[in-house]
Amino acid sequence: MADLLPVCQSFRNNDVIEININQSDAYDALYDSLLFITGKVERIKGDVRVTFVNNARGFMFQSATHEQNGKELEAVREVGIVSTVRGYLTYIDEDIKHLAISGWTYPNSFGIIQTTSLTFNILLSIKHFLNIFNDYQCISYGKHTIRLVRAGDDSNCFKIDETAGTVASKTEVRLNIENIELKVKRIFPHDQIKLQLLKAIQADTPILIPFRKWKLHMLPAFT
Protein backbone atom coordinates (compact mmCIF):
# COMPACT_ATOMS: atom_id res chain seq x y z
CA MET A 1 0.00 0.00 0.00
CA ALA A 2 1.49 3.33 -1.10
CA ASP A 3 0.71 6.61 0.68
CA LEU A 4 0.41 9.53 -1.75
CA LEU A 5 0.23 13.16 -0.64
CA PRO A 6 -1.42 16.08 -2.45
CA VAL A 7 0.66 18.52 -4.47
CA CYS A 8 -0.47 21.40 -2.26
CA GLN A 9 -0.80 20.94 1.51
CA SER A 10 -3.71 23.36 1.94
CA PHE A 11 -7.18 22.09 2.84
CA ARG A 12 -9.18 25.25 3.52
CA ASN A 13 -12.60 25.93 2.03
CA ASN A 14 -12.60 26.17 -1.80
CA ASP A 15 -9.00 24.85 -2.01
CA VAL A 16 -8.12 22.46 -4.84
CA ILE A 17 -6.54 19.21 -3.61
CA GLU A 18 -4.66 17.37 -6.36
CA ILE A 19 -3.08 13.94 -5.92
CA ASN A 20 -0.92 12.60 -8.76
CA ILE A 21 -0.18 8.91 -9.29
CA ASN A 22 2.70 8.12 -11.65
CA GLN A 23 4.62 4.92 -11.00
CA SER A 24 6.54 3.48 -13.95
CA ASP A 25 7.47 0.12 -12.43
CA ALA A 26 4.19 -0.88 -10.76
CA TYR A 27 0.48 -1.22 -11.42
CA ASP A 28 -2.19 0.35 -9.24
CA ALA A 29 -5.48 -1.09 -8.02
CA LEU A 30 -7.17 2.30 -7.78
CA TYR A 31 -10.59 0.73 -7.32
CA ASP A 32 -9.47 -0.47 -3.88
CA SER A 33 -7.82 2.77 -2.74
CA LEU A 34 -8.75 4.81 0.33
CA LEU A 35 -8.69 8.49 1.19
CA PHE A 36 -7.26 9.00 4.68
CA ILE A 37 -8.44 12.29 6.20
CA THR A 38 -7.40 13.71 9.57
CA GLY A 39 -8.67 16.88 11.12
CA LYS A 40 -10.32 18.64 14.02
CA VAL A 41 -13.76 20.07 14.74
CA GLU A 42 -13.88 23.13 16.99
CA ARG A 43 -16.93 24.58 18.67
CA ILE A 44 -16.55 28.37 18.41
CA LYS A 45 -19.81 29.51 20.01
CA GLY A 46 -22.80 28.06 21.78
CA ASP A 47 -23.40 24.97 23.87
CA VAL A 48 -26.41 23.35 22.15
CA ARG A 49 -26.37 19.84 20.76
CA VAL A 50 -24.34 19.54 17.54
CA THR A 51 -24.08 16.32 15.51
CA PHE A 52 -22.44 15.15 12.32
CA VAL A 53 -24.92 14.48 9.55
CA ASN A 54 -24.89 11.17 7.73
CA ASN A 55 -22.08 11.08 5.15
CA ALA A 56 -20.60 14.28 6.59
CA ARG A 57 -17.24 13.41 5.01
CA GLY A 58 -18.78 13.53 1.55
CA PHE A 59 -20.11 17.02 2.23
CA MET A 60 -16.56 18.22 2.93
CA PHE A 61 -15.98 18.33 -0.84
CA GLN A 62 -17.71 20.29 -3.55
CA SER A 63 -16.48 18.27 -6.55
CA ALA A 64 -14.23 15.34 -7.47
CA THR A 65 -12.59 14.39 -10.77
CA HIS A 66 -10.45 11.53 -12.01
CA GLU A 67 -8.03 11.89 -14.92
CA GLN A 68 -5.84 9.30 -16.63
CA ASN A 69 -2.96 10.42 -18.85
CA GLY A 70 -4.48 13.90 -19.05
CA LYS A 71 -7.94 12.68 -20.09
CA GLU A 72 -10.84 13.28 -17.72
CA LEU A 73 -12.74 10.05 -17.12
CA GLU A 74 -15.23 11.16 -14.50
CA ALA A 75 -16.34 14.35 -12.78
CA VAL A 76 -18.79 14.55 -9.89
CA ARG A 77 -20.16 17.81 -8.55
CA GLU A 78 -21.91 18.15 -5.18
CA VAL A 79 -20.12 15.06 -3.88
CA GLY A 80 -22.10 14.93 -0.63
CA ILE A 81 -25.54 14.97 -2.26
CA VAL A 82 -24.66 12.55 -5.06
CA SER A 83 -22.94 9.96 -2.83
CA THR A 84 -25.71 10.19 -0.21
CA VAL A 85 -28.54 9.60 -2.70
CA ARG A 86 -26.67 6.71 -4.27
CA GLY A 87 -25.99 5.23 -0.83
CA TYR A 88 -29.65 5.34 0.16
CA LEU A 89 -30.58 3.55 -3.06
CA THR A 90 -27.88 0.90 -3.35
CA TYR A 91 -26.08 0.18 -0.06
CA ILE A 92 -26.87 -3.07 1.68
CA ASP A 93 -26.15 -3.96 5.33
CA GLU A 94 -22.66 -5.18 4.49
CA ASP A 95 -21.82 -1.89 2.75
CA ILE A 96 -23.13 0.13 5.70
CA LYS A 97 -20.90 -1.76 8.14
CA HIS A 98 -17.90 -1.30 5.86
CA LEU A 99 -18.51 2.44 5.53
CA ALA A 100 -18.97 3.11 9.24
CA ILE A 101 -15.38 4.32 9.46
CA SER A 102 -16.12 6.68 6.55
CA GLY A 103 -18.84 8.53 8.42
CA TRP A 104 -21.83 6.71 6.92
CA THR A 105 -24.12 6.43 9.94
CA TYR A 106 -27.56 5.77 8.41
CA PRO A 107 -29.73 4.21 9.79
CA ASN A 108 -27.88 4.55 13.12
CA SER A 109 -27.64 7.70 15.21
CA PHE A 110 -25.34 10.56 14.25
CA GLY A 111 -22.03 11.33 15.96
CA ILE A 112 -22.45 13.93 18.70
CA ILE A 113 -19.86 16.69 19.15
CA GLN A 114 -19.90 16.99 22.93
CA THR A 115 -16.60 18.75 23.57
CA THR A 116 -15.13 22.06 22.45
CA SER A 117 -12.56 20.25 20.30
CA LEU A 118 -12.83 16.89 18.58
CA THR A 119 -10.18 15.24 16.41
CA PHE A 120 -11.15 12.70 13.77
CA ASN A 121 -9.44 10.14 11.52
CA ILE A 122 -11.43 8.61 8.69
CA LEU A 123 -10.86 6.22 5.81
CA LEU A 124 -13.07 7.09 2.86
CA SER A 125 -13.28 4.56 0.03
CA ILE A 126 -12.67 6.23 -3.33
CA LYS A 127 -15.56 4.16 -4.72
CA HIS A 128 -17.89 6.09 -2.42
CA PHE A 129 -17.64 9.25 -4.52
CA LEU A 130 -16.18 8.13 -7.89
CA ASN A 131 -18.48 5.55 -9.43
CA ILE A 132 -16.05 4.52 -12.18
CA PHE A 133 -14.23 2.35 -9.65
CA ASN A 134 -17.40 0.45 -8.81
CA ASP A 135 -17.77 -0.74 -12.42
CA TYR A 136 -14.20 -0.90 -13.70
CA GLN A 137 -12.24 -2.98 -11.19
CA CYS A 138 -9.00 -3.64 -13.06
CA ILE A 139 -5.42 -2.68 -12.33
CA SER A 140 -4.20 0.37 -14.24
CA TYR A 141 -0.92 1.78 -15.47
CA GLY A 142 0.10 5.34 -16.28
CA LYS A 143 -0.47 8.75 -14.79
CA HIS A 144 -3.60 9.34 -12.76
CA THR A 145 -4.83 12.49 -11.10
CA ILE A 146 -7.45 12.63 -8.38
CA ARG A 147 -8.65 16.20 -7.90
CA LEU A 148 -10.90 17.28 -5.03
CA VAL A 149 -12.32 20.73 -4.36
CA ARG A 150 -13.15 21.57 -0.76
CA ALA A 151 -16.64 22.79 -0.05
CA GLY A 152 -17.03 26.53 0.23
CA ASP A 153 -19.00 26.09 3.45
CA ASP A 154 -18.88 23.20 5.93
CA SER A 155 -22.29 23.90 7.44
CA ASN A 156 -23.77 20.93 5.54
CA CYS A 157 -21.56 18.60 7.60
CA PHE A 158 -23.32 19.44 10.88
CA LYS A 159 -26.79 19.51 12.39
CA ILE A 160 -27.49 22.03 15.14
CA ASP A 161 -30.35 21.29 17.53
CA GLU A 162 -33.07 23.72 16.44
CA THR A 163 -35.22 22.97 19.50
CA ALA A 164 -32.96 25.25 21.52
CA GLY A 165 -34.62 28.32 19.94
CA THR A 166 -32.55 31.40 19.25
CA VAL A 167 -29.56 29.89 21.03
CA ALA A 168 -29.02 27.50 18.13
CA SER A 169 -28.50 30.36 15.68
CA LYS A 170 -25.54 31.57 17.75
CA THR A 171 -23.80 28.21 17.71
CA GLU A 172 -20.76 28.08 15.43
CA VAL A 173 -18.67 25.05 14.53
CA ARG A 174 -15.48 25.12 12.51
CA LEU A 175 -14.00 22.19 10.59
CA ASN A 176 -10.24 22.06 10.02
CA ILE A 177 -8.77 19.35 7.78
CA GLU A 178 -5.12 18.85 8.73
CA ASN A 179 -4.01 16.19 6.26
CA ILE A 180 -5.24 14.11 3.33
CA GLU A 181 -3.50 11.02 1.95
CA LEU A 182 -4.46 8.60 -0.79
CA LYS A 183 -3.67 5.00 0.11
CA VAL A 184 -3.25 3.02 -3.11
CA LYS A 185 -2.72 -0.72 -3.41
CA ARG A 186 0.40 -1.32 -5.52
CA ILE A 187 0.89 -4.50 -7.54
CA PHE A 188 4.34 -5.65 -8.68
CA PRO A 189 3.83 -8.54 -11.15
CA HIS A 190 6.26 -11.32 -11.91
CA ASP A 191 8.74 -10.50 -14.70
CA GLN A 192 7.08 -12.86 -17.15
CA ILE A 193 3.64 -11.37 -16.53
CA LYS A 194 5.12 -7.88 -16.56
CA LEU A 195 6.60 -8.53 -20.01
CA GLN A 196 3.19 -9.55 -21.34
CA LEU A 197 1.63 -6.43 -19.86
CA LEU A 198 4.31 -4.19 -21.36
CA LYS A 199 3.71 -5.70 -24.80
CA ALA A 200 0.02 -4.89 -24.46
CA ILE A 201 0.89 -1.32 -23.46
CA GLN A 202 3.28 -0.88 -26.39
CA ALA A 203 0.59 -2.10 -28.78
CA ASP A 204 -1.38 0.99 -27.72
CA THR A 205 -4.66 -0.86 -27.94
CA PRO A 206 -7.65 1.29 -26.88
CA ILE A 207 -9.27 0.16 -23.63
CA LEU A 208 -13.00 0.61 -23.22
CA ILE A 209 -14.01 1.66 -19.71
CA PRO A 210 -17.80 1.31 -19.41
CA PHE A 211 -19.37 2.67 -16.25
CA ARG A 212 -22.56 4.30 -15.02
CA LYS A 213 -21.98 8.02 -14.77
CA TRP A 214 -23.69 9.93 -11.99
CA LYS A 215 -25.60 13.06 -12.94
CA LEU A 216 -27.16 15.51 -10.53
CA HIS A 217 -30.13 17.59 -11.73
CA MET A 218 -31.25 20.42 -9.45
CA LEU A 219 -34.06 22.94 -9.81
CA PRO A 220 -32.70 26.42 -10.61
CA ALA A 221 -34.32 27.77 -7.42
CA PHE A 222 -32.03 25.53 -5.32
CA THR A 223 -28.73 26.14 -7.15
C-alpha atoms as a PDB file:
ATOM      1  CA  MET A   1       0.000   0.000   0.000  1.00  0.00           C
ATOM      2  CA  ALA A   2       1.492   3.333  -1.097  1.00  0.00           C
ATOM      3  CA  ASP A   3       0.714   6.613   0.677  1.00  0.00           C
ATOM      4  CA  LEU A   4       0.405   9.527  -1.753  1.00  0.00           C
ATOM      5  CA  LEU A   5       0.229  13.160  -0.636  1.00  0.00           C
ATOM      6  CA  PRO A   6      -1.425  16.082  -2.452  1.00  0.00           C
ATOM      7  CA  VAL A   7       0.657  18.516  -4.466  1.00  0.00           C
ATOM      8  CA  CYS A   8      -0.475  21.404  -2.261  1.00  0.00           C
ATOM      9  CA  GLN A   9      -0.797  20.938   1.510  1.00  0.00           C
ATOM     10  CA  SER A  10      -3.709  23.361   1.940  1.00  0.00           C
ATOM     11  CA  PHE A  11      -7.177  22.087   2.842  1.00  0.00           C
ATOM     12  CA  ARG A  12      -9.181  25.245   3.525  1.00  0.00           C
ATOM     13  CA  ASN A  13     -12.602  25.935   2.029  1.00  0.00           C
ATOM     14  CA  ASN A  14     -12.596  26.165  -1.804  1.00  0.00           C
ATOM     15  CA  ASP A  15      -8.997  24.851  -2.005  1.00  0.00           C
ATOM     16  CA  VAL A  16      -8.117  22.459  -4.841  1.00  0.00           C
ATOM     17  CA  ILE A  17      -6.536  19.211  -3.614  1.00  0.00           C
ATOM     18  CA  GLU A  18      -4.664  17.367  -6.364  1.00  0.00           C
ATOM     19  CA  ILE A  19      -3.077  13.944  -5.923  1.00  0.00           C
ATOM     20  CA  ASN A  20      -0.917  12.598  -8.756  1.00  0.00           C
ATOM     21  CA  ILE A  21      -0.175   8.905  -9.287  1.00  0.00           C
ATOM     22  CA  ASN A  22       2.696   8.123 -11.647  1.00  0.00           C
ATOM     23  CA  GLN A  23       4.625   4.922 -11.000  1.00  0.00           C
ATOM     24  CA  SER A  24       6.544   3.482 -13.945  1.00  0.00           C
ATOM     25  CA  ASP A  25       7.469   0.119 -12.427  1.00  0.00           C
ATOM     26  CA  ALA A  26       4.189  -0.878 -10.762  1.00  0.00           C
ATOM     27  CA  TYR A  27       0.478  -1.225 -11.418  1.00  0.00           C
ATOM     28  CA  ASP A  28      -2.192   0.348  -9.242  1.00  0.00           C
ATOM     29  CA  ALA A  29      -5.482  -1.088  -8.016  1.00  0.00           C
ATOM     30  CA  LEU A  30      -7.171   2.297  -7.776  1.00  0.00           C
ATOM     31  CA  TYR A  31     -10.592   0.730  -7.322  1.00  0.00           C
ATOM     32  CA  ASP A  32      -9.470  -0.472  -3.885  1.00  0.00           C
ATOM     33  CA  SER A  33      -7.820   2.770  -2.744  1.00  0.00           C
ATOM     34  CA  LEU A  34      -8.754   4.809   0.330  1.00  0.00           C
ATOM     35  CA  LEU A  35      -8.694   8.487   1.192  1.00  0.00           C
ATOM     36  CA  PHE A  36      -7.262   9.004   4.684  1.00  0.00           C
ATOM     37  CA  ILE A  37      -8.440  12.291   6.205  1.00  0.00           C
ATOM     38  CA  THR A  38      -7.400  13.713   9.571  1.00  0.00           C
ATOM     39  CA  GLY A  39      -8.665  16.879  11.123  1.00  0.00           C
ATOM     40  CA  LYS A  40     -10.321  18.643  14.017  1.00  0.00           C
ATOM     41  CA  VAL A  41     -13.758  20.067  14.743  1.00  0.00           C
ATOM     42  CA  GLU A  42     -13.879  23.126  16.985  1.00  0.00           C
ATOM     43  CA  ARG A  43     -16.925  24.583  18.673  1.00  0.00           C
ATOM     44  CA  ILE A  44     -16.549  28.370  18.412  1.00  0.00           C
ATOM     45  CA  LYS A  45     -19.812  29.514  20.010  1.00  0.00           C
ATOM     46  CA  GLY A  46     -22.798  28.059  21.783  1.00  0.00           C
ATOM     47  CA  ASP A  47     -23.405  24.968  23.867  1.00  0.00           C
ATOM     48  CA  VAL A  48     -26.410  23.349  22.153  1.00  0.00           C
ATOM     49  CA  ARG A  49     -26.369  19.845  20.764  1.00  0.00           C
ATOM     50  CA  VAL A  50     -24.343  19.542  17.537  1.00  0.00           C
ATOM     51  CA  THR A  51     -24.085  16.318  15.513  1.00  0.00           C
ATOM     52  CA  PHE A  52     -22.439  15.149  12.322  1.00  0.00           C
ATOM     53  CA  VAL A  53     -24.923  14.480   9.547  1.00  0.00           C
ATOM     54  CA  ASN A  54     -24.886  11.175   7.733  1.00  0.00           C
ATOM     55  CA  ASN A  55     -22.083  11.085   5.148  1.00  0.00           C
ATOM     56  CA  ALA A  56     -20.595  14.281   6.592  1.00  0.00           C
ATOM     57  CA  ARG A  57     -17.241  13.408   5.013  1.00  0.00           C
ATOM     58  CA  GLY A  58     -18.776  13.531   1.555  1.00  0.00           C
ATOM     59  CA  PHE A  59     -20.114  17.021   2.232  1.00  0.00           C
ATOM     60  CA  MET A  60     -16.565  18.225   2.933  1.00  0.00           C
ATOM     61  CA  PHE A  61     -15.979  18.327  -0.837  1.00  0.00           C
ATOM     62  CA  GLN A  62     -17.708  20.287  -3.553  1.00  0.00           C
ATOM     63  CA  SER A  63     -16.482  18.267  -6.549  1.00  0.00           C
ATOM     64  CA  ALA A  64     -14.232  15.344  -7.465  1.00  0.00           C
ATOM     65  CA  THR A  65     -12.589  14.390 -10.766  1.00  0.00           C
ATOM     66  CA  HIS A  66     -10.450  11.532 -12.010  1.00  0.00           C
ATOM     67  CA  GLU A  67      -8.029  11.891 -14.919  1.00  0.00           C
ATOM     68  CA  GLN A  68      -5.845   9.302 -16.634  1.00  0.00           C
ATOM     69  CA  ASN A  69      -2.960  10.420 -18.846  1.00  0.00           C
ATOM     70  CA  GLY A  70      -4.476  13.901 -19.048  1.00  0.00           C
ATOM     71  CA  LYS A  71      -7.943  12.684 -20.089  1.00  0.00           C
ATOM     72  CA  GLU A  72     -10.838  13.282 -17.724  1.00  0.00           C
ATOM     73  CA  LEU A  73     -12.739  10.049 -17.123  1.00  0.00           C
ATOM     74  CA  GLU A  74     -15.232  11.162 -14.498  1.00  0.00           C
ATOM     75  CA  ALA A  75     -16.340  14.348 -12.775  1.00  0.00           C
ATOM     76  CA  VAL A  76     -18.791  14.551  -9.888  1.00  0.00           C
ATOM     77  CA  ARG A  77     -20.162  17.815  -8.548  1.00  0.00           C
ATOM     78  CA  GLU A  78     -21.913  18.147  -5.184  1.00  0.00           C
ATOM     79  CA  VAL A  79     -20.119  15.060  -3.880  1.00  0.00           C
ATOM     80  CA  GLY A  80     -22.097  14.933  -0.635  1.00  0.00           C
ATOM     81  CA  ILE A  81     -25.545  14.970  -2.262  1.00  0.00           C
ATOM     82  CA  VAL A  82     -24.663  12.551  -5.062  1.00  0.00           C
ATOM     83  CA  SER A  83     -22.945   9.957  -2.831  1.00  0.00           C
ATOM     84  CA  THR A  84     -25.712  10.186  -0.207  1.00  0.00           C
ATOM     85  CA  VAL A  85     -28.538   9.598  -2.700  1.00  0.00           C
ATOM     86  CA  ARG A  86     -26.666   6.710  -4.272  1.00  0.00           C
ATOM     87  CA  GLY A  87     -25.991   5.226  -0.831  1.00  0.00           C
ATOM     88  CA  TYR A  88     -29.653   5.342   0.163  1.00  0.00           C
ATOM     89  CA  LEU A  89     -30.584   3.546  -3.058  1.00  0.00           C
ATOM     90  CA  THR A  90     -27.875   0.902  -3.352  1.00  0.00           C
ATOM     91  CA  TYR A  91     -26.078   0.181  -0.062  1.00  0.00           C
ATOM     92  CA  ILE A  92     -26.869  -3.071   1.681  1.00  0.00           C
ATOM     93  CA  ASP A  93     -26.154  -3.960   5.329  1.00  0.00           C
ATOM     94  CA  GLU A  94     -22.657  -5.183   4.492  1.00  0.00           C
ATOM     95  CA  ASP A  95     -21.823  -1.891   2.753  1.00  0.00           C
ATOM     96  CA  ILE A  96     -23.130   0.134   5.702  1.00  0.00           C
ATOM     97  CA  LYS A  97     -20.902  -1.763   8.142  1.00  0.00           C
ATOM     98  CA  HIS A  98     -17.900  -1.303   5.864  1.00  0.00           C
ATOM     99  CA  LEU A  99     -18.515   2.444   5.531  1.00  0.00           C
ATOM    100  CA  ALA A 100     -18.974   3.106   9.244  1.00  0.00           C
ATOM    101  CA  ILE A 101     -15.381   4.324   9.458  1.00  0.00           C
ATOM    102  CA  SER A 102     -16.115   6.676   6.549  1.00  0.00           C
ATOM    103  CA  GLY A 103     -18.845   8.531   8.415  1.00  0.00           C
ATOM    104  CA  TRP A 104     -21.828   6.713   6.917  1.00  0.00           C
ATOM    105  CA  THR A 105     -24.122   6.425   9.938  1.00  0.00           C
ATOM    106  CA  TYR A 106     -27.563   5.767   8.408  1.00  0.00           C
ATOM    107  CA  PRO A 107     -29.727   4.207   9.789  1.00  0.00           C
ATOM    108  CA  ASN A 108     -27.876   4.546  13.115  1.00  0.00           C
ATOM    109  CA  SER A 109     -27.640   7.702  15.208  1.00  0.00           C
ATOM    110  CA  PHE A 110     -25.342  10.560  14.252  1.00  0.00           C
ATOM    111  CA  GLY A 111     -22.034  11.332  15.962  1.00  0.00           C
ATOM    112  CA  ILE A 112     -22.446  13.932  18.704  1.00  0.00           C
ATOM    113  CA  ILE A 113     -19.861  16.691  19.148  1.00  0.00           C
ATOM    114  CA  GLN A 114     -19.896  16.986  22.926  1.00  0.00           C
ATOM    115  CA  THR A 115     -16.605  18.751  23.566  1.00  0.00           C
ATOM    116  CA  THR A 116     -15.134  22.062  22.448  1.00  0.00           C
ATOM    117  CA  SER A 117     -12.563  20.247  20.302  1.00  0.00           C
ATOM    118  CA  LEU A 118     -12.830  16.885  18.578  1.00  0.00           C
ATOM    119  CA  THR A 119     -10.180  15.237  16.405  1.00  0.00           C
ATOM    120  CA  PHE A 120     -11.147  12.700  13.765  1.00  0.00           C
ATOM    121  CA  ASN A 121      -9.439  10.135  11.523  1.00  0.00           C
ATOM    122  CA  ILE A 122     -11.425   8.611   8.688  1.00  0.00           C
ATOM    123  CA  LEU A 123     -10.857   6.221   5.806  1.00  0.00           C
ATOM    124  CA  LEU A 124     -13.074   7.086   2.858  1.00  0.00           C
ATOM    125  CA  SER A 125     -13.279   4.561   0.027  1.00  0.00           C
ATOM    126  CA  ILE A 126     -12.673   6.227  -3.334  1.00  0.00           C
ATOM    127  CA  LYS A 127     -15.562   4.163  -4.719  1.00  0.00           C
ATOM    128  CA  HIS A 128     -17.890   6.091  -2.421  1.00  0.00           C
ATOM    129  CA  PHE A 129     -17.636   9.254  -4.518  1.00  0.00           C
ATOM    130  CA  LEU A 130     -16.179   8.126  -7.888  1.00  0.00           C
ATOM    131  CA  ASN A 131     -18.479   5.551  -9.435  1.00  0.00           C
ATOM    132  CA  ILE A 132     -16.055   4.522 -12.181  1.00  0.00           C
ATOM    133  CA  PHE A 133     -14.228   2.354  -9.649  1.00  0.00           C
ATOM    134  CA  ASN A 134     -17.404   0.450  -8.809  1.00  0.00           C
ATOM    135  CA  ASP A 135     -17.771  -0.738 -12.415  1.00  0.00           C
ATOM    136  CA  TYR A 136     -14.198  -0.901 -13.704  1.00  0.00           C
ATOM    137  CA  GLN A 137     -12.244  -2.983 -11.192  1.00  0.00           C
ATOM    138  CA  CYS A 138      -9.004  -3.642 -13.060  1.00  0.00           C
ATOM    139  CA  ILE A 139      -5.424  -2.678 -12.330  1.00  0.00           C
ATOM    140  CA  SER A 140      -4.202   0.367 -14.235  1.00  0.00           C
ATOM    141  CA  TYR A 141      -0.915   1.783 -15.473  1.00  0.00           C
ATOM    142  CA  GLY A 142       0.100   5.341 -16.281  1.00  0.00           C
ATOM    143  CA  LYS A 143      -0.466   8.751 -14.793  1.00  0.00           C
ATOM    144  CA  HIS A 144      -3.601   9.335 -12.765  1.00  0.00           C
ATOM    145  CA  THR A 145      -4.827  12.493 -11.100  1.00  0.00           C
ATOM    146  CA  ILE A 146      -7.452  12.628  -8.376  1.00  0.00           C
ATOM    147  CA  ARG A 147      -8.654  16.199  -7.900  1.00  0.00           C
ATOM    148  CA  LEU A 148     -10.897  17.276  -5.031  1.00  0.00           C
ATOM    149  CA  VAL A 149     -12.319  20.729  -4.358  1.00  0.00           C
ATOM    150  CA  ARG A 150     -13.146  21.574  -0.765  1.00  0.00           C
ATOM    151  CA  ALA A 151     -16.643  22.790  -0.047  1.00  0.00           C
ATOM    152  CA  GLY A 152     -17.030  26.532   0.226  1.00  0.00           C
ATOM    153  CA  ASP A 153     -19.000  26.088   3.446  1.00  0.00           C
ATOM    154  CA  ASP A 154     -18.880  23.204   5.933  1.00  0.00           C
ATOM    155  CA  SER A 155     -22.294  23.896   7.442  1.00  0.00           C
ATOM    156  CA  ASN A 156     -23.771  20.929   5.539  1.00  0.00           C
ATOM    157  CA  CYS A 157     -21.556  18.601   7.601  1.00  0.00           C
ATOM    158  CA  PHE A 158     -23.320  19.439  10.881  1.00  0.00           C
ATOM    159  CA  LYS A 159     -26.785  19.508  12.390  1.00  0.00           C
ATOM    160  CA  ILE A 160     -27.487  22.027  15.140  1.00  0.00           C
ATOM    161  CA  ASP A 161     -30.354  21.290  17.527  1.00  0.00           C
ATOM    162  CA  GLU A 162     -33.069  23.716  16.440  1.00  0.00           C
ATOM    163  CA  THR A 163     -35.218  22.974  19.504  1.00  0.00           C
ATOM    164  CA  ALA A 164     -32.957  25.255  21.518  1.00  0.00           C
ATOM    165  CA  GLY A 165     -34.618  28.315  19.942  1.00  0.00           C
ATOM    166  CA  THR A 166     -32.551  31.400  19.254  1.00  0.00           C
ATOM    167  CA  VAL A 167     -29.558  29.891  21.033  1.00  0.00           C
ATOM    168  CA  ALA A 168     -29.025  27.502  18.125  1.00  0.00           C
ATOM    169  CA  SER A 169     -28.504  30.365  15.681  1.00  0.00           C
ATOM    170  CA  LYS A 170     -25.545  31.569  17.755  1.00  0.00           C
ATOM    171  CA  THR A 171     -23.801  28.214  17.709  1.00  0.00           C
ATOM    172  CA  GLU A 172     -20.763  28.084  15.429  1.00  0.00           C
ATOM    173  CA  VAL A 173     -18.674  25.046  14.532  1.00  0.00           C
ATOM    174  CA  ARG A 174     -15.476  25.119  12.506  1.00  0.00           C
ATOM    175  CA  LEU A 175     -14.004  22.193  10.585  1.00  0.00           C
ATOM    176  CA  ASN A 176     -10.241  22.062  10.020  1.00  0.00           C
ATOM    177  CA  ILE A 177      -8.774  19.350   7.784  1.00  0.00           C
ATOM    178  CA  GLU A 178      -5.120  18.855   8.726  1.00  0.00           C
ATOM    179  CA  ASN A 179      -4.011  16.190   6.257  1.00  0.00           C
ATOM    180  CA  ILE A 180      -5.245  14.107   3.335  1.00  0.00           C
ATOM    181  CA  GLU A 181      -3.500  11.022   1.946  1.00  0.00           C
ATOM    182  CA  LEU A 182      -4.465   8.600  -0.787  1.00  0.00           C
ATOM    183  CA  LYS A 183      -3.672   5.001   0.109  1.00  0.00           C
ATOM    184  CA  VAL A 184      -3.248   3.025  -3.110  1.00  0.00           C
ATOM    185  CA  LYS A 185      -2.715  -0.718  -3.411  1.00  0.00           C
ATOM    186  CA  ARG A 186       0.405  -1.322  -5.524  1.00  0.00           C
ATOM    187  CA  ILE A 187       0.887  -4.503  -7.543  1.00  0.00           C
ATOM    188  CA  PHE A 188       4.337  -5.653  -8.676  1.00  0.00           C
ATOM    189  CA  PRO A 189       3.825  -8.536 -11.148  1.00  0.00           C
ATOM    190  CA  HIS A 190       6.264 -11.316 -11.906  1.00  0.00           C
ATOM    191  CA  ASP A 191       8.738 -10.504 -14.700  1.00  0.00           C
ATOM    192  CA  GLN A 192       7.080 -12.865 -17.154  1.00  0.00           C
ATOM    193  CA  ILE A 193       3.642 -11.374 -16.531  1.00  0.00           C
ATOM    194  CA  LYS A 194       5.118  -7.879 -16.557  1.00  0.00           C
ATOM    195  CA  LEU A 195       6.600  -8.529 -20.012  1.00  0.00           C
ATOM    196  CA  GLN A 196       3.192  -9.547 -21.342  1.00  0.00           C
ATOM    197  CA  LEU A 197       1.633  -6.431 -19.858  1.00  0.00           C
ATOM    198  CA  LEU A 198       4.313  -4.187 -21.361  1.00  0.00           C
ATOM    199  CA  LYS A 199       3.709  -5.703 -24.798  1.00  0.00           C
ATOM    200  CA  ALA A 200       0.021  -4.892 -24.461  1.00  0.00           C
ATOM    201  CA  ILE A 201       0.894  -1.323 -23.460  1.00  0.00           C
ATOM    202  CA  GLN A 202       3.282  -0.882 -26.391  1.00  0.00           C
ATOM    203  CA  ALA A 203       0.592  -2.103 -28.781  1.00  0.00           C
ATOM    204  CA  ASP A 204      -1.376   0.994 -27.715  1.00  0.00           C
ATOM    205  CA  THR A 205      -4.665  -0.856 -27.945  1.00  0.00           C
ATOM    206  CA  PRO A 206      -7.653   1.286 -26.879  1.00  0.00           C
ATOM    207  CA  ILE A 207      -9.274   0.155 -23.631  1.00  0.00           C
ATOM    208  CA  LEU A 208     -12.999   0.615 -23.224  1.00  0.00           C
ATOM    209  CA  ILE A 209     -14.011   1.660 -19.710  1.00  0.00           C
ATOM    210  CA  PRO A 210     -17.795   1.312 -19.407  1.00  0.00           C
ATOM    211  CA  PHE A 211     -19.371   2.667 -16.251  1.00  0.00           C
ATOM    212  CA  ARG A 212     -22.562   4.299 -15.020  1.00  0.00           C
ATOM    213  CA  LYS A 213     -21.979   8.021 -14.775  1.00  0.00           C
ATOM    214  CA  TRP A 214     -23.689   9.931 -11.987  1.00  0.00           C
ATOM    215  CA  LYS A 215     -25.603  13.056 -12.943  1.00  0.00           C
ATOM    216  CA  LEU A 216     -27.157  15.515 -10.534  1.00  0.00           C
ATOM    217  CA  HIS A 217     -30.128  17.589 -11.729  1.00  0.00           C
ATOM    218  CA  MET A 218     -31.250  20.424  -9.454  1.00  0.00           C
ATOM    219  CA  LEU A 219     -34.062  22.940  -9.810  1.00  0.00           C
ATOM    220  CA  PRO A 220     -32.705  26.423 -10.607  1.00  0.00           C
ATOM    221  CA  ALA A 221     -34.320  27.767  -7.420  1.00  0.00           C
ATOM    222  CA  PHE A 222     -32.029  25.527  -5.317  1.00  0.00           C
ATOM    223  CA  THR A 223     -28.734  26.136  -7.150  1.00  0.00           C
END
